[in-house]
């Protein structure tokens, strides 16, 4: 992953990351520490889609393994109040 100092962006503007972000996500370093990541909107949408798919896969695995409880919202609230 490419990196750039926040000061460089402050000095040059967003143009400072244009060529870097074309190669992939860019880590922004502030006070010698990674602080932010800039990526294209397409990369961001792909990441969100991948995350949603991973969550669904994990949920399906939980159902298959029996790690779920079925019931109503009212029952869940009662269980929470009882400390179950």
PDB file of N, CA and C in Angstrom:
ATOM      1  N   UNK A   1       0.858  -1.178   0.000  1.00  0.00           N
ATOM      2  CA  UNK A   1       0.000   0.000   0.000  1.00  0.00           C
ATOM      3  C   UNK A   1       0.896   1.230   0.000  1.00  0.00           C
ATOM      4  N   UNK A   2       0.576   2.166  -0.857  1.00  0.00           N
ATOM      5  CA  UNK A   2       1.304   3.427  -0.903  1.00  0.00           C
ATOM      6  C   UNK A   2       0.955   4.274   0.313  1.00  0.00           C
ATOM      7  N   UNK A   3       1.868   5.154   0.673  1.00  0.00           N
ATOM      8  CA  UNK A   3       1.643   6.057   1.801  1.00  0.00           C
ATOM      9  C   UNK A   3       2.112   7.453   1.427  1.00  0.00           C
ATOM     10  N   UNK A   4       1.488   8.438   2.060  1.00  0.00           N
ATOM     11  CA  UNK A   4       1.860   9.833   1.835  1.00  0.00           C
ATOM     12  C   UNK A   4       1.632  10.594   3.134  1.00  0.00           C
ATOM     13  N   UNK A   5       2.482  11.571   3.380  1.00  0.00           N
ATOM     14  CA  UNK A   5       2.344  12.380   4.590  1.00  0.00           C
ATOM     15  C   UNK A   5       1.182  13.359   4.442  1.00  0.00           C
ATOM     16  N   UNK A   6       0.460  13.561   5.511  1.00  0.00           N
ATOM     17  CA  UNK A   6      -0.661  14.504   5.507  1.00  0.00           C
ATOM     18  C   UNK A   6      -0.180  15.897   5.112  1.00  0.00           C
ATOM     19  N   UNK A   7       1.024  16.258   5.512  1.00  0.00           N
ATOM     20  CA  UNK A   7       1.589  17.569   5.167  1.00  0.00           C
ATOM     21  C   UNK A   7       1.713  17.738   3.657  1.00  0.00           C
ATOM     22  N   UNK A   8       2.037  16.644   2.963  1.00  0.00           N
ATOM     23  CA  UNK A   8       2.159  16.699   1.507  1.00  0.00           C
ATOM     24  C   UNK A   8       0.797  16.979   0.871  1.00  0.00           C
ATOM     25  N   UNK A   9      -0.242  16.387   1.414  1.00  0.00           N
ATOM     26  CA  UNK A   9      -1.592  16.656   0.899  1.00  0.00           C
ATOM     27  C   UNK A   9      -1.983  18.091   1.211  1.00  0.00           C
ATOM     28  N   UNK A  10      -1.625  18.551   2.391  1.00  0.00           N
ATOM     29  CA  UNK A  10      -1.930  19.935   2.760  1.00  0.00           C
ATOM     30  C   UNK A  10      -1.232  20.901   1.800  1.00  0.00           C
ATOM     31  N   UNK A  11      -0.001  20.571   1.434  1.00  0.00           N
ATOM     32  CA  UNK A  11       0.784  21.437   0.558  1.00  0.00           C
ATOM     33  C   UNK A  11       0.297  21.382  -0.887  1.00  0.00           C
ATOM     34  N   UNK A  12       0.031  20.173  -1.400  1.00  0.00           N
ATOM     35  CA  UNK A  12      -0.299  20.006  -2.818  1.00  0.00           C
ATOM     36  C   UNK A  12      -1.781  19.810  -3.102  1.00  0.00           C
ATOM     37  N   UNK A  13      -2.568  19.547  -2.092  1.00  0.00           N
ATOM     38  CA  UNK A  13      -3.983  19.272  -2.310  1.00  0.00           C
ATOM     39  C   UNK A  13      -4.213  17.814  -2.677  1.00  0.00           C
ATOM     40  N   UNK A  14      -5.440  17.512  -3.042  1.00  0.00           N
ATOM     41  CA  UNK A  14      -5.802  16.128  -3.347  1.00  0.00           C
ATOM     42  C   UNK A  14      -5.041  15.591  -4.553  1.00  0.00           C
ATOM     43  N   UNK A  15      -4.518  16.468  -5.389  1.00  0.00           N
ATOM     44  CA  UNK A  15      -3.717  16.024  -6.537  1.00  0.00           C
ATOM     45  C   UNK A  15      -2.510  15.211  -6.091  1.00  0.00           C
ATOM     46  N   UNK A  16      -2.091  15.395  -4.855  1.00  0.00           N
ATOM     47  CA  UNK A  16      -0.944  14.658  -4.329  1.00  0.00           C
ATOM     48  C   UNK A  16      -1.206  13.156  -4.281  1.00  0.00           C
ATOM     49  N   UNK A  17      -2.466  12.751  -4.201  1.00  0.00           N
ATOM     50  CA  UNK A  17      -2.773  11.324  -4.110  1.00  0.00           C
ATOM     51  C   UNK A  17      -3.350  10.741  -5.396  1.00  0.00           C
ATOM     52  N   UNK A  18      -3.659  11.582  -6.366  1.00  0.00           N
ATOM     53  CA  UNK A  18      -4.305  11.096  -7.590  1.00  0.00           C
ATOM     54  C   UNK A  18      -3.543   9.956  -8.265  1.00  0.00           C
ATOM     55  N   UNK A  19      -2.254  10.114  -8.473  1.00  0.00           N
ATOM     56  CA  UNK A  19      -1.498   9.064  -9.160  1.00  0.00           C
ATOM     57  C   UNK A  19      -1.314   7.839  -8.267  1.00  0.00           C
ATOM     58  N   UNK A  20      -1.214   8.061  -6.963  1.00  0.00           N
ATOM     59  CA  UNK A  20      -1.039   6.940  -6.036  1.00  0.00           C
ATOM     60  C   UNK A  20      -2.306   6.098  -5.920  1.00  0.00           C
ATOM     61  N   UNK A  21      -3.462   6.754  -5.827  1.00  0.00           N
ATOM     62  CA  UNK A  21      -4.717   6.023  -5.631  1.00  0.00           C
ATOM     63  C   UNK A  21      -5.080   5.205  -6.869  1.00  0.00           C
ATOM     64  N   UNK A  22      -4.527   5.565  -8.017  1.00  0.00           N
ATOM     65  CA  UNK A  22      -4.750   4.774  -9.229  1.00  0.00           C
ATOM     66  C   UNK A  22      -4.105   3.392  -9.105  1.00  0.00           C
ATOM     67  N   UNK A  23      -3.108   3.273  -8.221  1.00  0.00           N
ATOM     68  CA  UNK A  23      -2.403   2.007  -8.000  1.00  0.00           C
ATOM     69  C   UNK A  23      -3.019   1.192  -6.865  1.00  0.00           C
ATOM     70  N   UNK A  24      -3.918   1.796  -6.099  1.00  0.00           N
ATOM     71  CA  UNK A  24      -4.542   1.106  -4.968  1.00  0.00           C
ATOM     72  C   UNK A  24      -4.728   2.067  -3.811  1.00  0.00           C
ATOM     73  N   UNK A  25      -5.231   1.563  -2.690  1.00  0.00           N
ATOM     74  CA  UNK A  25      -5.458   2.425  -1.524  1.00  0.00           C
ATOM     75  C   UNK A  25      -4.178   3.132  -1.075  1.00  0.00           C
ATOM     76  N   UNK A  26      -4.339   4.327  -0.520  1.00  0.00           N
ATOM     77  CA  UNK A  26      -3.211   5.140  -0.065  1.00  0.00           C
ATOM     78  C   UNK A  26      -3.384   5.430   1.419  1.00  0.00           C
ATOM     79  N   UNK A  27      -2.374   5.094   2.186  1.00  0.00           N
ATOM     80  CA  UNK A  27      -2.387   5.362   3.622  1.00  0.00           C
ATOM     81  C   UNK A  27      -1.873   6.780   3.853  1.00  0.00           C
ATOM     82  N   UNK A  28      -2.621   7.557   4.647  1.00  0.00           N
ATOM     83  CA  UNK A  28      -2.225   8.917   4.994  1.00  0.00           C
ATOM     84  C   UNK A  28      -1.564   8.871   6.368  1.00  0.00           C
ATOM     85  N   UNK A  29      -0.349   9.396   6.437  1.00  0.00           N
ATOM     86  CA  UNK A  29       0.428   9.373   7.672  1.00  0.00           C
ATOM     87  C   UNK A  29       0.420  10.765   8.283  1.00  0.00           C
ATOM     88  N   UNK A  30       0.010  10.835   9.544  1.00  0.00           N
ATOM     89  CA  UNK A  30      -0.031  12.106  10.275  1.00  0.00           C
ATOM     90  C   UNK A  30       0.726  11.913  11.582  1.00  0.00           C
ATOM     91  N   UNK A  31       1.659  12.799  11.860  1.00  0.00           N
ATOM     92  CA  UNK A  31       2.500  12.698  13.059  1.00  0.00           C
ATOM     93  C   UNK A  31       3.187  11.333  13.129  1.00  0.00           C
ATOM     94  N   UNK A  32       3.705  10.890  11.997  1.00  0.00           N
ATOM     95  CA  UNK A  32       4.435   9.624  11.877  1.00  0.00           C
ATOM     96  C   UNK A  32       3.598   8.388  12.206  1.00  0.00           C
ATOM     97  N   UNK A  33       2.278   8.512  12.140  1.00  0.00           N
ATOM     98  CA  UNK A  33       1.396   7.373  12.409  1.00  0.00           C
ATOM     99  C   UNK A  33       0.352   7.259  11.301  1.00  0.00           C
ATOM    100  N   UNK A  34       0.053   6.036  10.882  1.00  0.00           N
ATOM    101  CA  UNK A  34      -1.027   5.862   9.900  1.00  0.00           C
ATOM    102  C   UNK A  34      -2.333   6.382  10.488  1.00  0.00           C
ATOM    103  N   UNK A  35      -3.029   7.229   9.755  1.00  0.00           N
ATOM    104  CA  UNK A  35      -4.233   7.862  10.299  1.00  0.00           C
ATOM    105  C   UNK A  35      -5.467   7.613   9.434  1.00  0.00           C
ATOM    106  N   UNK A  36      -5.323   7.671   8.117  1.00  0.00           N
ATOM    107  CA  UNK A  36      -6.459   7.540   7.204  1.00  0.00           C
ATOM    108  C   UNK A  36      -6.062   6.679   6.012  1.00  0.00           C
ATOM    109  N   UNK A  37      -7.068   6.227   5.278  1.00  0.00           N
ATOM    110  CA  UNK A  37      -6.838   5.530   4.012  1.00  0.00           C
ATOM    111  C   UNK A  37      -7.754   6.153   2.970  1.00  0.00           C
ATOM    112  N   UNK A  38      -7.190   6.450   1.815  1.00  0.00           N
ATOM    113  CA  UNK A  38      -7.969   6.965   0.689  1.00  0.00           C
ATOM    114  C   UNK A  38      -7.993   5.874  -0.375  1.00  0.00           C
ATOM    115  N   UNK A  39      -9.179   5.636  -0.933  1.00  0.00           N
ATOM    116  CA  UNK A  39      -9.310   4.668  -2.017  1.00  0.00           C
ATOM    117  C   UNK A  39     -10.359   5.161  -2.997  1.00  0.00           C
ATOM    118  N   UNK A  40     -10.368   4.568  -4.169  1.00  0.00           N
ATOM    119  CA  UNK A  40     -11.376   4.951  -5.153  1.00  0.00           C
ATOM    120  C   UNK A  40     -12.749   4.484  -4.676  1.00  0.00           C
ATOM    121  N   UNK A  41     -13.773   5.116  -5.204  1.00  0.00           N
ATOM    122  CA  UNK A  41     -15.130   4.719  -4.847  1.00  0.00           C
ATOM    123  C   UNK A  41     -15.397   3.280  -5.272  1.00  0.00           C
ATOM    124  N   UNK A  42     -14.871   2.885  -6.415  1.00  0.00           N
ATOM    125  CA  UNK A  42     -15.062   1.505  -6.885  1.00  0.00           C
ATOM    126  C   UNK A  42     -14.434   0.508  -5.917  1.00  0.00           C
ATOM    127  N   UNK A  43     -13.222   0.814  -5.434  1.00  0.00           N
ATOM    128  CA  UNK A  43     -12.572  -0.060  -4.451  1.00  0.00           C
ATOM    129  C   UNK A  43     -13.369  -0.108  -3.155  1.00  0.00           C
ATOM    130  N   UNK A  44     -13.909   1.029  -2.745  1.00  0.00           N
ATOM    131  CA  UNK A  44     -14.709   1.092  -1.520  1.00  0.00           C
ATOM    132  C   UNK A  44     -15.972   0.246  -1.660  1.00  0.00           C
ATOM    133  N   UNK A  45     -16.665   0.374  -2.789  1.00  0.00           N
ATOM    134  CA  UNK A  45     -17.883  -0.413  -3.013  1.00  0.00           C
ATOM    135  C   UNK A  45     -17.564  -1.905  -3.051  1.00  0.00           C
ATOM    136  N   UNK A  46     -16.449  -2.271  -3.664  1.00  0.00           N
ATOM    137  CA  UNK A  46     -16.026  -3.672  -3.682  1.00  0.00           C
ATOM    138  C   UNK A  46     -15.762  -4.168  -2.272  1.00  0.00           C
ATOM    139  N   UNK A  47     -15.077  -3.355  -1.473  1.00  0.00           N
ATOM    140  CA  UNK A  47     -14.782  -3.731  -0.097  1.00  0.00           C
ATOM    141  C   UNK A  47     -16.068  -3.941   0.703  1.00  0.00           C
ATOM    142  N   UNK A  48     -17.041  -3.038   0.542  1.00  0.00           N
ATOM    143  CA  UNK A  48     -18.313  -3.184   1.247  1.00  0.00           C
ATOM    144  C   UNK A  48     -19.040  -4.455   0.815  1.00  0.00           C
ATOM    145  N   UNK A  49     -19.023  -4.738  -0.476  1.00  0.00           N
ATOM    146  CA  UNK A  49     -19.654  -5.960  -0.974  1.00  0.00           C
ATOM    147  C   UNK A  49     -18.987  -7.208  -0.424  1.00  0.00           C
ATOM    148  N   UNK A  50     -17.652  -7.203  -0.399  1.00  0.00           N
ATOM    149  CA  UNK A  50     -16.911  -8.341   0.152  1.00  0.00           C
ATOM    150  C   UNK A  50     -17.222  -8.531   1.632  1.00  0.00           C
ATOM    151  N   UNK A  51     -17.310  -7.431   2.363  1.00  0.00           N
ATOM    152  CA  UNK A  51     -17.622  -7.502   3.789  1.00  0.00           C
ATOM    153  C   UNK A  51     -19.021  -8.067   4.017  1.00  0.00           C
ATOM    154  N   UNK A  52     -19.987  -7.607   3.231  1.00  0.00           N
ATOM    155  CA  UNK A  52     -21.358  -8.115   3.361  1.00  0.00           C
ATOM    156  C   UNK A  52     -21.408  -9.608   3.053  1.00  0.00           C
ATOM    157  N   UNK A  53     -20.681 -10.028   2.026  1.00  0.00           N
ATOM    158  CA  UNK A  53     -20.649 -11.446   1.671  1.00  0.00           C
ATOM    159  C   UNK A  53     -20.004 -12.279   2.779  1.00  0.00           C
ATOM    160  N   UNK A  54     -18.931 -11.774   3.373  1.00  0.00           N
ATOM    161  CA  UNK A  54     -18.264 -12.489   4.465  1.00  0.00           C
ATOM    162  C   UNK A  54     -19.181 -12.608   5.681  1.00  0.00           C
ATOM    163  N   UNK A  55     -19.921 -11.545   5.976  1.00  0.00           N
ATOM    164  CA  UNK A  55     -20.860 -11.598   7.104  1.00  0.00           C
ATOM    165  C   UNK A  55     -21.959 -12.618   6.848  1.00  0.00           C
ATOM    166  N   UNK A  56     -22.468 -12.661   5.629  1.00  0.00           N
ATOM    167  CA  UNK A  56     -23.510 -13.620   5.282  1.00  0.00           C
ATOM    168  C   UNK A  56     -22.980 -15.048   5.388  1.00  0.00           C
ATOM    169  N   UNK A  57     -21.776 -15.278   4.900  1.00  0.00           N
ATOM    170  CA  UNK A  57     -21.164 -16.600   4.986  1.00  0.00           C
ATOM    171  C   UNK A  57     -20.998 -17.026   6.439  1.00  0.00           C
ATOM    172  N   UNK A  58     -20.551 -16.100   7.294  1.00  0.00           N
ATOM    173  CA  UNK A  58     -20.393 -16.408   8.718  1.00  0.00           C
ATOM    174  C   UNK A  58     -21.741 -16.707   9.362  1.00  0.00           C
ATOM    175  N   UNK A  59     -22.764 -15.955   8.990  1.00  0.00           N
ATOM    176  CA  UNK A  59     -24.103 -16.188   9.540  1.00  0.00           C
ATOM    177  C   UNK A  59     -24.640 -17.547   9.112  1.00  0.00           C
ATOM    178  N   UNK A  60     -24.437 -17.895   7.859  1.00  0.00           N
ATOM    179  CA  UNK A  60     -24.883 -19.203   7.376  1.00  0.00           C
ATOM    180  C   UNK A  60     -24.160 -20.329   8.106  1.00  0.00           C
ATOM    181  N   UNK A  61     -22.876 -20.144   8.386  1.00  0.00           N
ATOM    182  CA  UNK A  61     -22.118 -21.147   9.136  1.00  0.00           C
ATOM    183  C   UNK A  61     -22.658 -21.272  10.558  1.00  0.00           C
ATOM    184  N   UNK A  62     -23.023 -20.148  11.177  1.00  0.00           N
ATOM    185  CA  UNK A  62     -23.610 -20.182  12.520  1.00  0.00           C
ATOM    186  C   UNK A  62     -24.920 -20.961  12.526  1.00  0.00           C
ATOM    187  N   UNK A  63     -25.753 -20.745  11.517  1.00  0.00           N
ATOM    188  CA  UNK A  63     -27.032 -21.462  11.434  1.00  0.00           C
ATOM    189  C   UNK A  63     -26.779 -22.956  11.276  1.00  0.00           C
ATOM    190  N   UNK A  64     -25.875 -23.336  10.375  1.00  0.00           N
ATOM    191  CA  UNK A  64     -25.574 -24.755  10.151  1.00  0.00           C
ATOM    192  C   UNK A  64     -25.007 -25.420  11.397  1.00  0.00           C
ATOM    193  N   UNK A  65     -24.226 -24.668  12.185  1.00  0.00           N
ATOM    194  CA  UNK A  65     -23.596 -25.223  13.387  1.00  0.00           C
ATOM    195  C   UNK A  65     -24.509 -25.154  14.606  1.00  0.00           C
ATOM    196  N   UNK A  66     -25.696 -24.582  14.440  1.00  0.00           N
ATOM    197  CA  UNK A  66     -26.631 -24.501  15.562  1.00  0.00           C
ATOM    198  C   UNK A  66     -26.295 -23.418  16.575  1.00  0.00           C
ATOM    199  N   UNK A  67     -25.546 -22.423  16.163  1.00  0.00           N
ATOM    200  CA  UNK A  67     -25.161 -21.342  17.078  1.00  0.00           C
ATOM    201  C   UNK A  67     -26.122 -20.161  16.986  1.00  0.00           C
ATOM    202  N   UNK A  68     -27.397 -20.452  16.878  1.00  0.00           N
ATOM    203  CA  UNK A  68     -28.406 -19.394  16.810  1.00  0.00           C
ATOM    204  C   UNK A  68     -29.533 -19.719  17.782  1.00  0.00           C
ATOM    205  N   UNK A  69     -30.201 -18.697  18.227  1.00  0.00           N
ATOM    206  CA  UNK A  69     -31.382 -18.849  19.073  1.00  0.00           C
ATOM    207  C   UNK A  69     -32.547 -18.225  18.323  1.00  0.00           C
ATOM    208  N   UNK A  70     -33.627 -18.936  18.274  1.00  0.00           N
ATOM    209  CA  UNK A  70     -34.804 -18.409  17.589  1.00  0.00           C
ATOM    210  C   UNK A  70     -35.804 -17.944  18.632  1.00  0.00           C
ATOM    211  N   UNK A  71     -36.459 -16.839  18.345  1.00  0.00           N
ATOM    212  CA  UNK A  71     -37.473 -16.304  19.240  1.00  0.00           C
ATOM    213  C   UNK A  71     -37.902 -14.932  18.772  1.00  0.00           C
ATOM    214  N   UNK A  72     -38.764 -14.340  19.544  1.00  0.00           N
ATOM    215  CA  UNK A  72     -39.287 -13.020  19.188  1.00  0.00           C
ATOM    216  C   UNK A  72     -38.423 -11.926  19.806  1.00  0.00           C
ATOM    217  N   UNK A  73     -38.644 -10.710  19.342  1.00  0.00           N
ATOM    218  CA  UNK A  73     -37.943  -9.563  19.922  1.00  0.00           C
ATOM    219  C   UNK A  73     -38.333  -9.404  21.386  1.00  0.00           C
ATOM    220  N   UNK A  74     -39.606  -9.633  21.692  1.00  0.00           N
ATOM    221  CA  UNK A  74     -40.066  -9.517  23.083  1.00  0.00           C
ATOM    222  C   UNK A  74     -39.342 -10.520  23.973  1.00  0.00           C
ATOM    223  N   UNK A  75     -39.153 -11.749  23.489  1.00  0.00           N
ATOM    224  CA  UNK A  75     -38.435 -12.762  24.268  1.00  0.00           C
ATOM    225  C   UNK A  75     -36.978 -12.354  24.466  1.00  0.00           C
ATOM    226  N   UNK A  76     -36.370 -11.804  23.447  1.00  0.00           N
ATOM    227  CA  UNK A  76     -34.990 -11.341  23.559  1.00  0.00           C
ATOM    228  C   UNK A  76     -34.870 -10.263  24.625  1.00  0.00           C
ATOM    229  N   UNK A  77     -35.790  -9.317  24.636  1.00  0.00           N
ATOM    230  CA  UNK A  77     -35.767  -8.244  25.637  1.00  0.00           C
ATOM    231  C   UNK A  77     -35.947  -8.825  27.032  1.00  0.00           C
ATOM    232  N   UNK A  78     -36.862  -9.786  27.185  1.00  0.00           N
ATOM    233  CA  UNK A  78     -37.048 -10.424  28.499  1.00  0.00           C
ATOM    234  C   UNK A  78     -35.767 -11.122  28.934  1.00  0.00           C
ATOM    235  N   UNK A  79     -35.129 -11.839  28.021  1.00  0.00           N
ATOM    236  CA  UNK A  79     -33.888 -12.535  28.351  1.00  0.00           C
ATOM    237  C   UNK A  79     -32.787 -11.556  28.751  1.00  0.00           C
ATOM    238  N   UNK A  80     -32.713 -10.439  28.070  1.00  0.00           N
ATOM    239  CA  UNK A  80     -31.704  -9.425  28.405  1.00  0.00           C
ATOM    240  C   UNK A  80     -31.949  -8.878  29.800  1.00  0.00           C
ATOM    241  N   UNK A  81     -33.198  -8.580  30.116  1.00  0.00           N
ATOM    242  CA  UNK A  81     -33.522  -8.040  31.438  1.00  0.00           C
ATOM    243  C   UNK A  81     -33.275  -9.061  32.543  1.00  0.00           C
ATOM    244  N   UNK A  82     -33.436 -10.348  32.232  1.00  0.00           N
ATOM    245  CA  UNK A  82     -33.192 -11.395  33.223  1.00  0.00           C
ATOM    246  C   UNK A  82     -31.700 -11.680  33.364  1.00  0.00           C
ATOM    247  N   UNK A  83     -30.902 -11.179  32.433  1.00  0.00           N
ATOM    248  CA  UNK A  83     -29.458 -11.423  32.475  1.00  0.00           C
ATOM    249  C   UNK A  83     -29.079 -12.767  31.891  1.00  0.00           C
ATOM    250  N   UNK A  84     -29.935 -13.320  31.071  1.00  0.00           N
ATOM    251  CA  UNK A  84     -29.672 -14.643  30.476  1.00  0.00           C
ATOM    252  C   UNK A  84     -28.675 -14.555  29.354  1.00  0.00           C
TER     253      UNK A  84
END
